Protein backbone atom coordinates (compact mmCIF):
# COMPACT_ATOMS: atom_id res chain seq x y z
CA MET A 1 109.15 118.67 122.67
CA HIS A 2 111.71 117.11 120.33
CA ARG A 3 114.07 119.82 118.97
CA ARG A 4 113.49 118.76 115.38
CA ALA A 5 109.74 118.90 116.01
CA VAL A 6 110.05 122.50 117.18
CA ARG A 7 112.02 123.44 114.05
CA ASN A 8 109.45 121.84 111.78
CA LEU A 9 106.53 123.54 113.50
CA ALA A 10 108.28 126.88 113.03
CA ARG A 11 107.88 126.59 109.25
CA LEU A 12 104.29 125.29 109.36
CA ASP A 13 101.74 127.04 107.12
CA THR A 14 98.25 126.37 108.48
CA THR A 15 96.47 128.43 105.81
CA GLN A 16 97.37 126.22 102.83
CA ALA A 17 95.65 122.85 102.53
CA ARG A 18 97.93 119.86 101.97
CA ILE A 19 96.89 116.56 100.41
CA THR A 20 98.08 114.38 103.31
CA ARG A 21 96.23 116.57 105.82
CA ILE A 22 93.10 116.58 103.63
CA PHE A 23 93.03 112.79 103.61
CA ASP A 24 93.70 112.81 107.35
CA ALA A 25 90.74 115.16 107.91
CA ALA A 26 88.50 113.08 105.64
CA ALA A 27 89.42 109.90 107.51
CA GLY A 28 88.70 111.44 110.92
CA GLY A 29 92.29 112.10 111.93
CA LYS A 30 93.67 114.91 114.09
CA ASP A 31 96.70 116.10 112.12
CA ASN A 32 94.93 118.74 110.03
CA PHE A 33 93.74 122.34 110.09
CA GLN A 34 90.65 124.31 109.12
CA ALA A 35 91.98 124.84 105.60
CA ASP A 36 92.09 121.06 105.14
CA LYS A 37 88.60 120.58 106.60
CA ASP A 38 87.31 123.28 104.26
CA VAL A 39 88.59 121.36 101.24
CA VAL A 40 86.83 118.20 102.44
CA ARG A 41 83.62 120.19 102.90
CA HIS A 42 83.88 121.76 99.44
CA PHE A 43 84.50 118.38 97.79
CA ASP A 44 81.57 116.86 99.66
CA GLN A 45 79.32 119.56 98.23
CA VAL A 46 80.25 118.36 94.75
CA THR A 47 80.38 114.64 95.49
CA PRO A 48 80.26 113.02 98.94
CA ALA A 49 83.05 110.55 98.20
CA LEU A 50 86.21 111.96 99.74
CA THR A 51 85.68 110.54 103.23
CA THR A 52 85.01 107.06 101.88
CA ALA A 53 87.97 107.32 99.52
CA ALA A 54 90.30 108.34 102.35
CA ARG A 55 89.28 105.31 104.38
CA ALA A 56 89.78 103.04 101.39
CA VAL A 57 93.31 104.40 100.98
CA LEU A 58 94.13 103.83 104.66
CA GLN A 59 92.82 100.28 104.46
CA PHE A 60 94.91 99.64 101.34
CA LEU A 61 98.08 100.89 103.05
CA SER A 62 97.40 98.67 106.04
CA ARG A 63 96.93 95.60 103.84
CA VAL A 64 100.08 96.28 101.83
CA VAL A 65 102.23 96.65 104.94
CA ALA A 66 100.71 93.57 106.58
CA HIS A 67 101.21 91.45 103.44
CA LEU A 68 104.83 92.47 102.91
CA ALA A 69 105.73 92.05 106.58
CA ALA A 70 104.14 88.58 106.57
CA GLU A 71 106.27 87.79 103.51
CA GLY A 72 109.40 88.52 105.54
CA VAL A 73 110.11 92.18 104.78
CA ASP A 74 111.46 93.70 107.99
CA GLN A 75 112.28 97.24 106.89
CA PHE A 76 110.07 99.83 105.24
CA MET A 77 110.60 103.29 103.82
CA ILE A 78 107.19 104.95 103.59
CA VAL A 79 107.28 108.12 101.51
CA GLY A 80 104.44 110.59 101.87
CA SER A 81 101.89 108.67 103.92
CA GLY A 82 101.24 111.55 106.29
CA VAL A 83 101.73 108.99 109.12
CA PRO A 84 97.93 109.15 109.18
CA SER A 85 96.23 109.70 112.52
CA GLY A 86 93.09 108.36 110.90
CA LEU A 87 94.54 105.02 111.94
CA SER A 88 93.83 104.49 115.61
CA ALA A 89 96.54 104.06 118.23
CA GLY A 90 98.21 100.70 117.80
CA ASN A 91 97.12 100.52 114.17
CA ARG A 92 99.59 102.81 112.47
CA LEU A 93 101.65 101.30 109.71
CA HIS A 94 104.64 100.41 111.89
CA ASP A 95 102.32 98.70 114.40
CA ILE A 96 100.68 96.70 111.62
CA ALA A 97 104.06 95.60 110.28
CA ARG A 98 105.15 94.30 113.68
CA ARG A 99 101.92 92.40 114.27
CA ALA A 100 102.22 90.77 110.86
CA SER A 101 105.77 89.66 111.64
CA PRO A 102 105.82 88.78 115.36
CA GLY A 103 109.24 88.41 116.87
CA SER A 104 110.87 90.42 114.08
CA ALA A 105 112.41 93.82 114.77
CA VAL A 106 110.68 95.57 111.87
CA ARG A 107 112.20 98.98 111.12
CA VAL A 108 110.14 101.76 109.55
CA VAL A 109 111.27 105.12 108.18
CA TYR A 110 108.55 107.64 107.39
CA VAL A 111 109.58 110.35 104.93
CA GLU A 112 107.43 113.48 104.96
CA ASN A 113 107.63 117.09 103.80
CA ASN A 114 104.61 118.19 105.83
CA PRO A 115 105.99 120.09 108.87
CA MET A 116 103.01 119.25 111.09
CA VAL A 117 103.17 115.56 110.33
CA VAL A 118 106.94 115.45 110.86
CA ALA A 119 106.80 117.41 114.11
CA THR A 120 103.92 115.38 115.54
CA ALA A 121 105.46 112.03 114.66
CA GLN A 122 108.90 112.98 115.93
CA ALA A 123 107.37 114.07 119.23
CA THR A 124 104.89 111.22 119.72
CA ILE A 125 106.41 108.15 118.03
CA GLU A 126 110.20 108.34 117.99
CA PRO A 127 110.65 108.79 121.79
CA PHE A 128 108.83 105.50 122.43
CA THR A 129 110.57 103.17 119.99
CA ASP A 130 114.02 102.60 118.56
CA LEU A 131 112.53 101.02 115.45
CA VAL A 132 110.83 104.04 113.87
CA ARG A 133 112.36 107.18 112.42
CA VAL A 134 110.62 110.20 110.88
CA VAL A 135 112.60 112.07 108.21
CA ASP A 136 111.94 115.53 106.83
CA GLY A 137 112.32 114.84 103.13
CA ASP A 138 110.68 115.50 99.78
CA VAL A 139 110.33 113.02 96.94
CA ARG A 140 110.52 115.99 94.56
CA GLU A 141 114.18 116.16 95.60
CA ILE A 142 114.76 112.43 95.40
CA ASP A 143 118.56 112.43 95.34
CA GLU A 144 118.79 114.69 98.38
CA MET A 145 116.14 112.59 100.12
CA LEU A 146 118.09 109.38 99.64
CA ARG A 147 121.28 111.03 100.90
CA ASP A 148 119.64 111.83 104.24
CA HIS A 149 121.81 110.56 107.11
CA VAL A 150 118.96 108.74 108.85
CA ILE A 151 117.88 107.00 105.65
CA GLN A 152 121.45 106.00 104.89
CA THR A 153 122.22 104.64 108.36
CA PHE A 154 118.90 103.40 109.78
CA ILE A 155 118.11 101.25 106.76
CA ASP A 156 120.30 98.26 105.99
CA TRP A 157 120.99 98.71 102.28
CA GLU A 158 122.41 95.21 102.01
CA LYS A 159 119.04 93.50 102.54
CA PRO A 160 115.59 93.81 100.93
CA LEU A 161 113.17 96.53 101.98
CA ALA A 162 109.77 97.81 100.95
CA VAL A 163 109.63 101.31 99.52
CA LEU A 164 106.08 102.65 99.52
CA LEU A 165 105.74 105.70 97.28
CA LEU A 166 102.50 107.24 98.47
CA SER A 167 103.09 110.80 97.30
CA SER A 168 103.38 110.30 93.54
CA HIS A 169 100.54 112.83 93.24
CA SER A 170 103.14 115.51 94.04
CA LEU A 171 105.20 114.64 90.95
CA ASP A 172 103.48 116.72 88.30
CA ASP A 173 106.32 116.42 85.80
CA ASP A 174 105.99 113.08 84.01
CA GLU A 175 109.66 112.77 83.12
CA TYR A 176 110.70 113.41 86.71
CA ALA A 177 108.04 111.01 88.03
CA HIS A 178 109.58 108.25 85.92
CA TYR A 179 113.02 109.23 87.17
CA VAL A 180 111.87 108.96 90.80
CA VAL A 181 110.53 105.45 90.30
CA LYS A 182 113.72 104.37 88.52
CA ARG A 183 115.87 106.02 91.18
CA LEU A 184 114.07 104.17 93.96
CA GLN A 185 114.22 100.95 91.99
CA HIS A 186 117.98 101.24 91.53
CA ALA A 187 118.61 102.31 95.12
CA ALA A 188 116.76 99.37 96.65
CA PRO A 189 118.62 96.08 97.12
CA LYS A 190 117.71 93.02 95.08
CA GLY A 191 114.55 91.34 96.33
CA SER A 192 112.95 94.58 97.52
CA PHE A 193 109.42 95.79 96.79
CA LEU A 194 108.02 99.07 95.47
CA GLY A 195 104.47 100.05 96.39
CA LEU A 196 102.65 102.84 94.56
CA LEU A 197 99.49 104.81 95.30
CA HIS A 198 98.10 107.28 92.79
CA THR A 199 95.03 109.51 92.51
CA THR A 200 92.98 109.45 89.31
CA PHE A 201 89.89 111.00 87.75
CA ASP A 202 89.19 107.90 85.66
CA ALA A 203 85.91 107.15 87.44
CA VAL A 204 84.65 110.70 87.90
CA PRO A 205 81.31 111.09 86.08
CA PRO A 206 81.69 113.40 83.05
CA GLU A 207 79.11 115.83 84.40
CA LEU A 208 81.14 116.30 87.61
CA LEU A 209 84.60 116.39 86.05
CA PRO A 210 84.74 120.17 85.33
CA ALA A 211 83.74 121.04 88.89
CA ILE A 212 86.22 118.56 90.36
CA ARG A 213 89.04 119.83 88.15
CA ASP A 214 88.26 123.43 89.13
CA MET A 215 88.19 122.48 92.82
CA VAL A 216 91.56 120.74 92.60
CA ALA A 217 93.09 123.62 90.66
CA MET A 218 91.97 126.10 93.34
CA THR A 219 92.80 124.08 96.45
CA LEU A 220 95.65 121.76 95.42
CA PRO A 221 97.68 123.38 92.65
CA ARG A 222 100.22 121.11 90.96
CA LEU A 223 98.46 117.96 92.14
CA ALA A 224 99.24 115.25 89.58
CA ILE A 225 96.21 113.31 88.36
CA ARG A 226 96.97 110.39 86.06
CA SER A 227 94.99 107.79 84.14
CA ARG A 228 95.47 104.07 84.68
CA GLU A 229 97.64 103.88 81.56
CA GLU A 230 99.86 106.69 82.83
CA VAL A 231 100.21 105.07 86.26
CA ALA A 232 100.98 101.72 84.63
CA SER A 233 103.76 103.36 82.63
CA LEU A 234 105.48 104.38 85.87
CA LEU A 235 105.70 100.68 86.76
CA HIS A 236 106.74 99.49 83.33
CA GLY A 237 109.19 96.59 83.47
CA LEU A 238 108.48 95.67 87.07
CA ASP A 239 106.93 92.38 88.20
CA LEU A 240 103.62 93.30 89.81
CA VAL A 241 102.39 91.31 92.79
CA GLU A 242 98.88 89.93 92.24
CA PRO A 243 96.35 91.39 91.61
CA GLY A 244 98.47 94.01 89.82
CA LEU A 245 97.47 97.64 89.33
CA VAL A 246 93.90 97.96 90.58
CA TRP A 247 91.54 100.24 92.46
CA VAL A 248 92.81 100.24 96.04
CA PRO A 249 89.81 98.34 97.51
CA GLU A 250 90.56 95.52 95.05
CA TRP A 251 94.11 94.97 96.26
CA ARG A 252 93.89 91.80 98.40
CA PRO A 253 90.75 92.94 100.26
CA GLY A 254 90.19 91.75 103.81
CA GLY A 255 86.96 90.86 105.56
CA ARG A 256 86.81 94.09 107.59
CA ASP A 257 87.68 96.43 104.70
CA LEU A 258 84.34 97.99 103.86
CA ALA A 259 85.23 101.35 102.31
CA CYS A 260 84.22 101.37 98.61
CA ALA A 261 83.79 97.60 98.65
CA ASP A 262 80.68 97.76 96.45
CA GLU A 263 82.12 100.39 94.12
CA PRO A 264 85.94 100.20 94.14
CA SER A 265 86.34 103.01 91.62
CA ALA A 266 84.79 105.41 94.17
CA SER A 267 88.13 105.26 95.99
CA GLY A 268 89.60 107.47 93.26
CA ASN A 269 93.00 105.82 93.69
CA TYR A 270 94.97 103.07 92.02
CA GLY A 271 97.40 100.93 93.95
CA ALA A 272 100.04 98.34 93.14
CA VAL A 273 103.02 96.54 94.62
CA ALA A 274 105.95 95.42 92.46
CA ARG A 275 108.96 93.21 93.03
CA ILE A 276 112.30 94.84 92.35
CA PRO A 277 114.57 92.33 90.56
């Protein structure tokens, strides 16, 4: 096994559920533990929506990557995706990017602070391609993350890239969340894109909201839940790609994207892509 993978597994805590592993479990992936499956089961007892929401999120990520790659973006920094195994072999985000831009050597850097995800990806993806790197980093330490040697050298900072911030739910301090978005915006070269995914309770029925809040507080402490207005404020001043900030199933839906198609708000997540001037 890759040496870095061994080091990351050594600090793995399997007893504490993690949001990326919960979504992986809900979507039918393999990179999760019993603690994560238990959270899915508990949520399903309150409202059977988590599995559908996880699939809607995965479909949104796939569409965003495919769209940007087709537009000519050939390097991606994906922060906090979990490198989801809920996407089948050949359909992970780096595979989708390459299919959308045939003949282009699309580079992808995954940034994760989940030891299991990092270890698995380093052992199963990196050895088979020179165009993917997996970095152990945390958006809650954004300056240190951007100073990482792999990020600094693998990405060409003289040409546009797509930065997909998929772990904004971990930024529970509003001032720091705004700083992270600005920091990424200023770090990215002109002509780059910033994608954002964010969990919300906006569509949770009032009668279920107390139980959902209690469940989140018990299983995912410090998880940031924001309203549409609060998410929009993170993107203030940026030029949003159509259709703007929407429920993830509404962002350029494709014919095979069925999760939450009839009720987009059931996805429980907003998504947007913005141009960085």
